[in-house]
């Protein structure tokens, strides 16, 4: 799938894209307690999208890496579509 094809509410998204930015790690309060989260900008030849990474997954990517994502879902946050990887999803880094 290409980034430009992703719409809010879609699930089971499979994508290959390049990491072009890794945002600052921030701490947020969730119903599970405080957790670390960071936004990673992904790019392919059709556009860019934000991937939200939590906890240990944050440090698994660097700018320039290519990631293969499977089983992701798209949501909308502050008028922007973003990708999320659930526990059942997978992310492989090249």
PDB file of N, CA and C in Angstrom:
ATOM      1  N   UNK A   1       0.842  -1.189   0.000  1.00  0.00           N
ATOM      2  CA  UNK A   1       0.000   0.000   0.000  1.00  0.00           C
ATOM      3  C   UNK A   1       0.884   1.249   0.000  1.00  0.00           C
ATOM      4  N   UNK A   2       0.417   2.290  -0.629  1.00  0.00           N
ATOM      5  CA  UNK A   2       1.121   3.564  -0.665  1.00  0.00           C
ATOM      6  C   UNK A   2       0.541   4.500   0.402  1.00  0.00           C
ATOM      7  N   UNK A   3       1.369   5.413   0.894  1.00  0.00           N
ATOM      8  CA  UNK A   3       0.942   6.340   1.943  1.00  0.00           C
ATOM      9  C   UNK A   3      -0.273   7.153   1.504  1.00  0.00           C
ATOM     10  N   UNK A   4      -0.299   7.603   0.253  1.00  0.00           N
ATOM     11  CA  UNK A   4      -1.409   8.428  -0.218  1.00  0.00           C
ATOM     12  C   UNK A   4      -2.752   7.686  -0.180  1.00  0.00           C
ATOM     13  N   UNK A   5      -2.733   6.355  -0.133  1.00  0.00           N
ATOM     14  CA  UNK A   5      -3.965   5.556  -0.121  1.00  0.00           C
ATOM     15  C   UNK A   5      -4.546   5.378   1.282  1.00  0.00           C
ATOM     16  N   UNK A   6      -3.791   5.739   2.310  1.00  0.00           N
ATOM     17  CA  UNK A   6      -4.213   5.499   3.690  1.00  0.00           C
ATOM     18  C   UNK A   6      -5.251   6.531   4.112  1.00  0.00           C
ATOM     19  N   UNK A   7      -6.352   6.037   4.663  1.00  0.00           N
ATOM     20  CA  UNK A   7      -7.437   6.886   5.157  1.00  0.00           C
ATOM     21  C   UNK A   7      -7.696   6.542   6.621  1.00  0.00           C
ATOM     22  N   UNK A   8      -8.163   7.524   7.373  1.00  0.00           N
ATOM     23  CA  UNK A   8      -8.488   7.307   8.781  1.00  0.00           C
ATOM     24  C   UNK A   8      -9.529   6.200   8.915  1.00  0.00           C
ATOM     25  N   UNK A   9      -9.319   5.299   9.871  1.00  0.00           N
ATOM     26  CA  UNK A   9     -10.255   4.206  10.091  1.00  0.00           C
ATOM     27  C   UNK A   9      -9.849   2.911   9.412  1.00  0.00           C
ATOM     28  N   UNK A  10      -8.876   2.969   8.513  1.00  0.00           N
ATOM     29  CA  UNK A  10      -8.414   1.748   7.852  1.00  0.00           C
ATOM     30  C   UNK A  10      -7.647   0.875   8.842  1.00  0.00           C
ATOM     31  N   UNK A  11      -7.692  -0.436   8.619  1.00  0.00           N
ATOM     32  CA  UNK A  11      -6.924  -1.349   9.463  1.00  0.00           C
ATOM     33  C   UNK A  11      -6.226  -2.385   8.592  1.00  0.00           C
ATOM     34  N   UNK A  12      -5.391  -3.183   9.217  1.00  0.00           N
ATOM     35  CA  UNK A  12      -4.605  -4.207   8.528  1.00  0.00           C
ATOM     36  C   UNK A  12      -3.794  -3.608   7.368  1.00  0.00           C
ATOM     37  N   UNK A  13      -3.151  -2.479   7.647  1.00  0.00           N
ATOM     38  CA  UNK A  13      -2.353  -1.771   6.649  1.00  0.00           C
ATOM     39  C   UNK A  13      -0.953  -2.384   6.584  1.00  0.00           C
ATOM     40  N   UNK A  14      -0.500  -2.664   5.380  1.00  0.00           N
ATOM     41  CA  UNK A  14       0.858  -3.140   5.141  1.00  0.00           C
ATOM     42  C   UNK A  14       1.577  -2.092   4.304  1.00  0.00           C
ATOM     43  N   UNK A  15       2.786  -1.718   4.742  1.00  0.00           N
ATOM     44  CA  UNK A  15       3.448  -0.572   4.150  1.00  0.00           C
ATOM     45  C   UNK A  15       4.962  -0.731   4.225  1.00  0.00           C
ATOM     46  N   UNK A  16       5.648  -0.248   3.194  1.00  0.00           N
ATOM     47  CA  UNK A  16       7.110  -0.145   3.219  1.00  0.00           C
ATOM     48  C   UNK A  16       7.430   1.316   2.985  1.00  0.00           C
ATOM     49  N   UNK A  17       8.220   1.905   3.911  1.00  0.00           N
ATOM     50  CA  UNK A  17       8.525   3.328   3.797  1.00  0.00           C
ATOM     51  C   UNK A  17       9.859   3.627   4.468  1.00  0.00           C
ATOM     52  N   UNK A  18      10.383   4.806   4.171  1.00  0.00           N
ATOM     53  CA  UNK A  18      11.664   5.242   4.733  1.00  0.00           C
ATOM     54  C   UNK A  18      11.414   6.199   5.891  1.00  0.00           C
ATOM     55  N   UNK A  19      12.224   6.072   6.941  1.00  0.00           N
ATOM     56  CA  UNK A  19      12.149   6.972   8.098  1.00  0.00           C
ATOM     57  C   UNK A  19      12.894   8.252   7.740  1.00  0.00           C
ATOM     58  N   UNK A  20      12.189   9.386   7.757  1.00  0.00           N
ATOM     59  CA  UNK A  20      12.834  10.660   7.419  1.00  0.00           C
ATOM     60  C   UNK A  20      12.976  11.578   8.632  1.00  0.00           C
ATOM     61  N   UNK A  21      12.278  11.255   9.741  1.00  0.00           N
ATOM     62  CA  UNK A  21      12.418  12.053  10.957  1.00  0.00           C
ATOM     63  C   UNK A  21      11.952  11.231  12.152  1.00  0.00           C
ATOM     64  N   UNK A  22      12.666  11.367  13.257  1.00  0.00           N
ATOM     65  CA  UNK A  22      12.244  10.759  14.521  1.00  0.00           C
ATOM     66  C   UNK A  22      12.065  11.904  15.509  1.00  0.00           C
ATOM     67  N   UNK A  23      10.816  12.103  15.956  1.00  0.00           N
ATOM     68  CA  UNK A  23      10.518  13.204  16.862  1.00  0.00           C
ATOM     69  C   UNK A  23      11.017  12.943  18.270  1.00  0.00           C
ATOM     70  N   UNK A  24      10.895  13.965  19.106  1.00  0.00           N
ATOM     71  CA  UNK A  24      11.323  13.848  20.498  1.00  0.00           C
ATOM     72  C   UNK A  24      10.458  12.859  21.256  1.00  0.00           C
ATOM     73  N   UNK A  25      11.092  12.133  22.151  1.00  0.00           N
ATOM     74  CA  UNK A  25      10.356  11.209  23.012  1.00  0.00           C
ATOM     75  C   UNK A  25       9.685  12.039  24.103  1.00  0.00           C
ATOM     76  N   UNK A  26       8.399  11.794  24.288  1.00  0.00           N
ATOM     77  CA  UNK A  26       7.681  12.505  25.337  1.00  0.00           C
ATOM     78  C   UNK A  26       6.961  11.498  26.223  1.00  0.00           C
ATOM     79  N   UNK A  27       6.653  11.939  27.418  1.00  0.00           N
ATOM     80  CA  UNK A  27       5.977  11.075  28.379  1.00  0.00           C
ATOM     81  C   UNK A  27       4.512  11.486  28.435  1.00  0.00           C
ATOM     82  N   UNK A  28       3.610  10.514  28.303  1.00  0.00           N
ATOM     83  CA  UNK A  28       2.183  10.805  28.366  1.00  0.00           C
ATOM     84  C   UNK A  28       1.529   9.901  29.406  1.00  0.00           C
ATOM     85  N   UNK A  29       0.482  10.416  29.996  1.00  0.00           N
ATOM     86  CA  UNK A  29      -0.280   9.643  30.974  1.00  0.00           C
ATOM     87  C   UNK A  29      -1.368   8.870  30.230  1.00  0.00           C
ATOM     88  N   UNK A  30      -1.364   7.553  30.357  1.00  0.00           N
ATOM     89  CA  UNK A  30      -2.393   6.726  29.741  1.00  0.00           C
ATOM     90  C   UNK A  30      -3.143   5.998  30.842  1.00  0.00           C
ATOM     91  N   UNK A  31      -4.132   5.226  30.456  1.00  0.00           N
ATOM     92  CA  UNK A  31      -4.858   4.466  31.475  1.00  0.00           C
ATOM     93  C   UNK A  31      -3.988   3.360  32.074  1.00  0.00           C
ATOM     94  N   UNK A  32      -2.838   3.115  31.431  1.00  0.00           N
ATOM     95  CA  UNK A  32      -1.892   2.118  31.933  1.00  0.00           C
ATOM     96  C   UNK A  32      -0.757   2.766  32.722  1.00  0.00           C
ATOM     97  N   UNK A  33      -0.839   4.072  32.947  1.00  0.00           N
ATOM     98  CA  UNK A  33       0.234   4.801  33.627  1.00  0.00           C
ATOM     99  C   UNK A  33       1.040   5.611  32.628  1.00  0.00           C
ATOM    100  N   UNK A  34       2.170   6.158  33.107  1.00  0.00           N
ATOM    101  CA  UNK A  34       3.016   6.968  32.231  1.00  0.00           C
ATOM    102  C   UNK A  34       3.731   6.084  31.223  1.00  0.00           C
ATOM    103  N   UNK A  35       3.714   6.528  29.957  1.00  0.00           N
ATOM    104  CA  UNK A  35       4.396   5.782  28.896  1.00  0.00           C
ATOM    105  C   UNK A  35       5.127   6.756  27.990  1.00  0.00           C
ATOM    106  N   UNK A  36       6.186   6.271  27.348  1.00  0.00           N
ATOM    107  CA  UNK A  36       6.964   7.081  26.408  1.00  0.00           C
ATOM    108  C   UNK A  36       6.396   6.887  25.005  1.00  0.00           C
ATOM    109  N   UNK A  37       6.352   7.988  24.263  1.00  0.00           N
ATOM    110  CA  UNK A  37       5.828   7.942  22.899  1.00  0.00           C
ATOM    111  C   UNK A  37       6.631   8.911  22.034  1.00  0.00           C
ATOM    112  N   UNK A  38       6.775   8.580  20.751  1.00  0.00           N
ATOM    113  CA  UNK A  38       7.440   9.477  19.803  1.00  0.00           C
ATOM    114  C   UNK A  38       6.763   9.337  18.442  1.00  0.00           C
ATOM    115  N   UNK A  39       6.763  10.420  17.694  1.00  0.00           N
ATOM    116  CA  UNK A  39       6.215  10.408  16.343  1.00  0.00           C
ATOM    117  C   UNK A  39       7.354  10.294  15.348  1.00  0.00           C
ATOM    118  N   UNK A  40       7.221   9.350  14.436  1.00  0.00           N
ATOM    119  CA  UNK A  40       8.223   9.106  13.404  1.00  0.00           C
ATOM    120  C   UNK A  40       7.580   9.448  12.065  1.00  0.00           C
ATOM    121  N   UNK A  41       8.264  10.224  11.245  1.00  0.00           N
ATOM    122  CA  UNK A  41       7.751  10.570   9.926  1.00  0.00           C
ATOM    123  C   UNK A  41       8.262   9.555   8.914  1.00  0.00           C
ATOM    124  N   UNK A  42       7.320   8.937   8.213  1.00  0.00           N
ATOM    125  CA  UNK A  42       7.636   7.969   7.165  1.00  0.00           C
ATOM    126  C   UNK A  42       7.350   8.580   5.809  1.00  0.00           C
ATOM    127  N   UNK A  43       8.110   8.145   4.799  1.00  0.00           N
ATOM    128  CA  UNK A  43       7.931   8.681   3.451  1.00  0.00           C
ATOM    129  C   UNK A  43       8.083   7.559   2.430  1.00  0.00           C
ATOM    130  N   UNK A  44       7.217   7.602   1.419  1.00  0.00           N
ATOM    131  CA  UNK A  44       7.425   6.773   0.233  1.00  0.00           C
ATOM    132  C   UNK A  44       7.246   7.693  -0.971  1.00  0.00           C
ATOM    133  N   UNK A  45       7.193   7.143  -2.166  1.00  0.00           N
ATOM    134  CA  UNK A  45       7.117   8.008  -3.351  1.00  0.00           C
ATOM    135  C   UNK A  45       5.759   8.682  -3.527  1.00  0.00           C
ATOM    136  N   UNK A  46       4.811   8.392  -2.616  1.00  0.00           N
ATOM    137  CA  UNK A  46       3.485   9.008  -2.745  1.00  0.00           C
ATOM    138  C   UNK A  46       3.199  10.054  -1.669  1.00  0.00           C
ATOM    139  N   UNK A  47       4.024  10.117  -0.624  1.00  0.00           N
ATOM    140  CA  UNK A  47       3.776  11.106   0.415  1.00  0.00           C
ATOM    141  C   UNK A  47       4.416  10.755   1.742  1.00  0.00           C
ATOM    142  N   UNK A  48       3.954  11.456   2.797  1.00  0.00           N
ATOM    143  CA  UNK A  48       4.481  11.273   4.150  1.00  0.00           C
ATOM    144  C   UNK A  48       3.332  11.004   5.118  1.00  0.00           C
ATOM    145  N   UNK A  49       3.666  10.292   6.205  1.00  0.00           N
ATOM    146  CA  UNK A  49       2.682  10.029   7.253  1.00  0.00           C
ATOM    147  C   UNK A  49       3.428   9.875   8.572  1.00  0.00           C
ATOM    148  N   UNK A  50       2.731  10.184   9.656  1.00  0.00           N
ATOM    149  CA  UNK A  50       3.285  10.026  10.999  1.00  0.00           C
ATOM    150  C   UNK A  50       2.988   8.613  11.497  1.00  0.00           C
ATOM    151  N   UNK A  51       4.006   7.971  12.047  1.00  0.00           N
ATOM    152  CA  UNK A  51       3.858   6.677  12.712  1.00  0.00           C
ATOM    153  C   UNK A  51       4.106   6.922  14.192  1.00  0.00           C
ATOM    154  N   UNK A  52       3.151   6.559  15.033  1.00  0.00           N
ATOM    155  CA  UNK A  52       3.308   6.713  16.467  1.00  0.00           C
ATOM    156  C   UNK A  52       3.926   5.446  17.041  1.00  0.00           C
ATOM    157  N   UNK A  53       5.084   5.615  17.693  1.00  0.00           N
ATOM    158  CA  UNK A  53       5.762   4.476  18.311  1.00  0.00           C
ATOM    159  C   UNK A  53       5.780   4.633  19.829  1.00  0.00           C
ATOM    160  N   UNK A  54       5.608   3.524  20.519  1.00  0.00           N
ATOM    161  CA  UNK A  54       5.546   3.505  21.979  1.00  0.00           C
ATOM    162  C   UNK A  54       6.712   2.716  22.561  1.00  0.00           C
ATOM    163  N   UNK A  55       7.165   3.172  23.719  1.00  0.00           N
ATOM    164  CA  UNK A  55       8.133   2.464  24.559  1.00  0.00           C
ATOM    165  C   UNK A  55       9.338   1.946  23.791  1.00  0.00           C
ATOM    166  N   UNK A  56       9.608   0.647  23.880  1.00  0.00           N
ATOM    167  CA  UNK A  56      10.839   0.074  23.329  1.00  0.00           C
ATOM    168  C   UNK A  56      10.923   0.166  21.806  1.00  0.00           C
ATOM    169  N   UNK A  57       9.804   0.345  21.128  1.00  0.00           N
ATOM    170  CA  UNK A  57       9.842   0.425  19.657  1.00  0.00           C
ATOM    171  C   UNK A  57      10.461   1.738  19.175  1.00  0.00           C
ATOM    172  N   UNK A  58      10.460   2.756  20.025  1.00  0.00           N
ATOM    173  CA  UNK A  58      10.974   4.074  19.628  1.00  0.00           C
ATOM    174  C   UNK A  58      12.433   3.974  19.199  1.00  0.00           C
ATOM    175  N   UNK A  59      13.243   3.295  20.001  1.00  0.00           N
ATOM    176  CA  UNK A  59      14.684   3.232  19.733  1.00  0.00           C
ATOM    177  C   UNK A  59      15.060   2.196  18.678  1.00  0.00           C
ATOM    178  N   UNK A  60      14.070   1.549  18.087  1.00  0.00           N
ATOM    179  CA  UNK A  60      14.376   0.528  17.075  1.00  0.00           C
ATOM    180  C   UNK A  60      14.517   1.122  15.680  1.00  0.00           C
ATOM    181  N   UNK A  61      14.224   2.421  15.514  1.00  0.00           N
ATOM    182  CA  UNK A  61      14.340   3.054  14.194  1.00  0.00           C
ATOM    183  C   UNK A  61      15.225   4.293  14.250  1.00  0.00           C
ATOM    184  N   UNK A  62      15.854   4.579  13.122  1.00  0.00           N
ATOM    185  CA  UNK A  62      16.685   5.771  12.964  1.00  0.00           C
ATOM    186  C   UNK A  62      16.387   6.384  11.604  1.00  0.00           C
ATOM    187  N   UNK A  63      16.709   7.662  11.471  1.00  0.00           N
ATOM    188  CA  UNK A  63      16.542   8.335  10.179  1.00  0.00           C
ATOM    189  C   UNK A  63      17.353   7.587   9.133  1.00  0.00           C
ATOM    190  N   UNK A  64      16.743   7.318   7.985  1.00  0.00           N
ATOM    191  CA  UNK A  64      17.394   6.601   6.902  1.00  0.00           C
ATOM    192  C   UNK A  64      17.005   5.135   6.834  1.00  0.00           C
ATOM    193  N   UNK A  65      16.452   4.590   7.929  1.00  0.00           N
ATOM    194  CA  UNK A  65      16.006   3.195   7.930  1.00  0.00           C
ATOM    195  C   UNK A  65      14.804   3.015   7.014  1.00  0.00           C
ATOM    196  N   UNK A  66      14.670   1.830   6.449  1.00  0.00           N
ATOM    197  CA  UNK A  66      13.464   1.445   5.741  1.00  0.00           C
ATOM    198  C   UNK A  66      12.705   0.486   6.646  1.00  0.00           C
ATOM    199  N   UNK A  67      11.412   0.741   6.820  1.00  0.00           N
ATOM    200  CA  UNK A  67      10.607  -0.116   7.685  1.00  0.00           C
ATOM    201  C   UNK A  67       9.525  -0.818   6.867  1.00  0.00           C
ATOM    202  N   UNK A  68       9.269  -2.058   7.249  1.00  0.00           N
ATOM    203  CA  UNK A  68       8.173  -2.842   6.694  1.00  0.00           C
ATOM    204  C   UNK A  68       7.167  -2.993   7.823  1.00  0.00           C
ATOM    205  N   UNK A  69       5.984  -2.448   7.630  1.00  0.00           N
ATOM    206  CA  UNK A  69       4.945  -2.476   8.666  1.00  0.00           C
ATOM    207  C   UNK A  69       3.806  -3.353   8.185  1.00  0.00           C
ATOM    208  N   UNK A  70       3.318  -4.207   9.068  1.00  0.00           N
ATOM    209  CA  UNK A  70       2.150  -5.024   8.725  1.00  0.00           C
ATOM    210  C   UNK A  70       1.171  -5.014   9.882  1.00  0.00           C
ATOM    211  N   UNK A  71      -0.105  -5.031   9.543  1.00  0.00           N
ATOM    212  CA  UNK A  71      -1.158  -5.070  10.550  1.00  0.00           C
ATOM    213  C   UNK A  71      -1.407  -3.756  11.262  1.00  0.00           C
ATOM    214  N   UNK A  72      -0.986  -2.644  10.676  1.00  0.00           N
ATOM    215  CA  UNK A  72      -1.174  -1.331  11.300  1.00  0.00           C
ATOM    216  C   UNK A  72      -2.595  -0.818  11.064  1.00  0.00           C
ATOM    217  N   UNK A  73      -2.958   0.233  11.824  1.00  0.00           N
ATOM    218  CA  UNK A  73      -4.242   0.891  11.585  1.00  0.00           C
ATOM    219  C   UNK A  73      -4.026   2.394  11.551  1.00  0.00           C
ATOM    220  N   UNK A  74      -4.950   3.088  10.891  1.00  0.00           N
ATOM    221  CA  UNK A  74      -4.852   4.539  10.736  1.00  0.00           C
ATOM    222  C   UNK A  74      -5.916   5.220  11.578  1.00  0.00           C
ATOM    223  N   UNK A  75      -5.504   6.285  12.256  1.00  0.00           N
ATOM    224  CA  UNK A  75      -6.443   7.085  13.038  1.00  0.00           C
ATOM    225  C   UNK A  75      -6.166   8.550  12.727  1.00  0.00           C
ATOM    226  N   UNK A  76      -7.026   9.402  13.245  1.00  0.00           N
ATOM    227  CA  UNK A  76      -6.852  10.827  13.025  1.00  0.00           C
ATOM    228  C   UNK A  76      -6.621  11.505  14.366  1.00  0.00           C
ATOM    229  N   UNK A  77      -5.586  12.343  14.443  1.00  0.00           N
ATOM    230  CA  UNK A  77      -5.254  13.075  15.658  1.00  0.00           C
ATOM    231  C   UNK A  77      -4.891  14.489  15.259  1.00  0.00           C
ATOM    232  N   UNK A  78      -5.582  15.453  15.811  1.00  0.00           N
ATOM    233  CA  UNK A  78      -5.358  16.868  15.473  1.00  0.00           C
ATOM    234  C   UNK A  78      -5.381  17.100  13.965  1.00  0.00           C
ATOM    235  N   UNK A  79      -6.402  16.550  13.319  1.00  0.00           N
ATOM    236  CA  UNK A  79      -6.646  16.726  11.884  1.00  0.00           C
ATOM    237  C   UNK A  79      -5.582  16.108  10.981  1.00  0.00           C
ATOM    238  N   UNK A  80      -4.739  15.240  11.514  1.00  0.00           N
ATOM    239  CA  UNK A  80      -3.746  14.554  10.686  1.00  0.00           C
ATOM    240  C   UNK A  80      -3.928  13.051  10.833  1.00  0.00           C
ATOM    241  N   UNK A  81      -3.796  12.357   9.711  1.00  0.00           N
ATOM    242  CA  UNK A  81      -3.885  10.895   9.744  1.00  0.00           C
ATOM    243  C   UNK A  81      -2.541  10.352  10.217  1.00  0.00           C
ATOM    244  N   UNK A  82      -2.603   9.388  11.118  1.00  0.00           N
ATOM    245  CA  UNK A  82      -1.365   8.781  11.599  1.00  0.00           C
ATOM    246  C   UNK A  82      -1.515   7.276  11.671  1.00  0.00           C
ATOM    247  N   UNK A  83      -0.381   6.599  11.591  1.00  0.00           N
ATOM    248  CA  UNK A  83      -0.348   5.145  11.672  1.00  0.00           C
ATOM    249  C   UNK A  83      -0.043   4.710  13.093  1.00  0.00           C
ATOM    250  N   UNK A  84      -0.636   3.605  13.490  1.00  0.00           N
ATOM    251  CA  UNK A  84      -0.393   3.000  14.788  1.00  0.00           C
ATOM    252  C   UNK A  84      -0.203   1.507  14.579  1.00  0.00           C
ATOM    253  N   UNK A  85       0.704   0.920  15.345  1.00  0.00           N
ATOM    254  CA  UNK A  85       0.936  -0.518  15.246  1.00  0.00           C
ATOM    255  C   UNK A  85       0.406  -1.169  16.526  1.00  0.00           C
ATOM    256  N   UNK A  86      -0.653  -1.970  16.408  1.00  0.00           N
ATOM    257  CA  UNK A  86      -1.187  -2.636  17.607  1.00  0.00           C
ATOM    258  C   UNK A  86      -0.274  -3.786  18.031  1.00  0.00           C
ATOM    259  N   UNK A  87      -0.582  -4.384  19.159  1.00  0.00           N
ATOM    260  CA  UNK A  87       0.222  -5.517  19.649  1.00  0.00           C
ATOM    261  C   UNK A  87       0.301  -6.638  18.619  1.00  0.00           C
ATOM    262  N   UNK A  88      -0.747  -6.797  17.836  1.00  0.00           N
ATOM    263  CA  UNK A  88      -0.767  -7.870  16.821  1.00  0.00           C
ATOM    264  C   UNK A  88      -0.042  -7.471  15.542  1.00  0.00           C
ATOM    265  N   UNK A  89       0.342  -6.196  15.427  1.00  0.00           N
ATOM    266  CA  UNK A  89       1.037  -5.730  14.246  1.00  0.00           C
ATOM    267  C   UNK A  89       2.532  -5.999  14.355  1.00  0.00           C
ATOM    268  N   UNK A  90       3.237  -5.680  13.265  1.00  0.00           N
ATOM    269  CA  UNK A  90       4.656  -6.001  13.212  1.00  0.00           C
ATOM    270  C   UNK A  90       5.389  -4.901  12.460  1.00  0.00           C
ATOM    271  N   UNK A  91       6.621  -4.632  12.905  1.00  0.00           N
ATOM    272  CA  UNK A  91       7.472  -3.666  12.214  1.00  0.00           C
ATOM    273  C   UNK A  91       8.873  -4.259  12.099  1.00  0.00           C
ATOM    274  N   UNK A  92       9.357  -4.398  10.858  1.00  0.00           N
ATOM    275  CA  UNK A  92      10.711  -4.873  10.618  1.00  0.00           C
ATOM    276  C   UNK A  92      11.515  -3.715  10.062  1.00  0.00           C
ATOM    277  N   UNK A  93      12.751  -3.580  10.548  1.00  0.00           N
ATOM    278  CA  UNK A  93      13.620  -2.482  10.137  1.00  0.00           C
ATOM    279  C   UNK A  93      14.761  -3.033   9.284  1.00  0.00           C
ATOM    280  N   UNK A  94      15.001  -2.371   8.134  1.00  0.00           N
ATOM    281  CA  UNK A  94      16.123  -2.759   7.262  1.00  0.00           C
ATOM    282  C   UNK A  94      17.329  -1.929   7.602  1.00  0.00           C
TER     283      UNK A  94
END
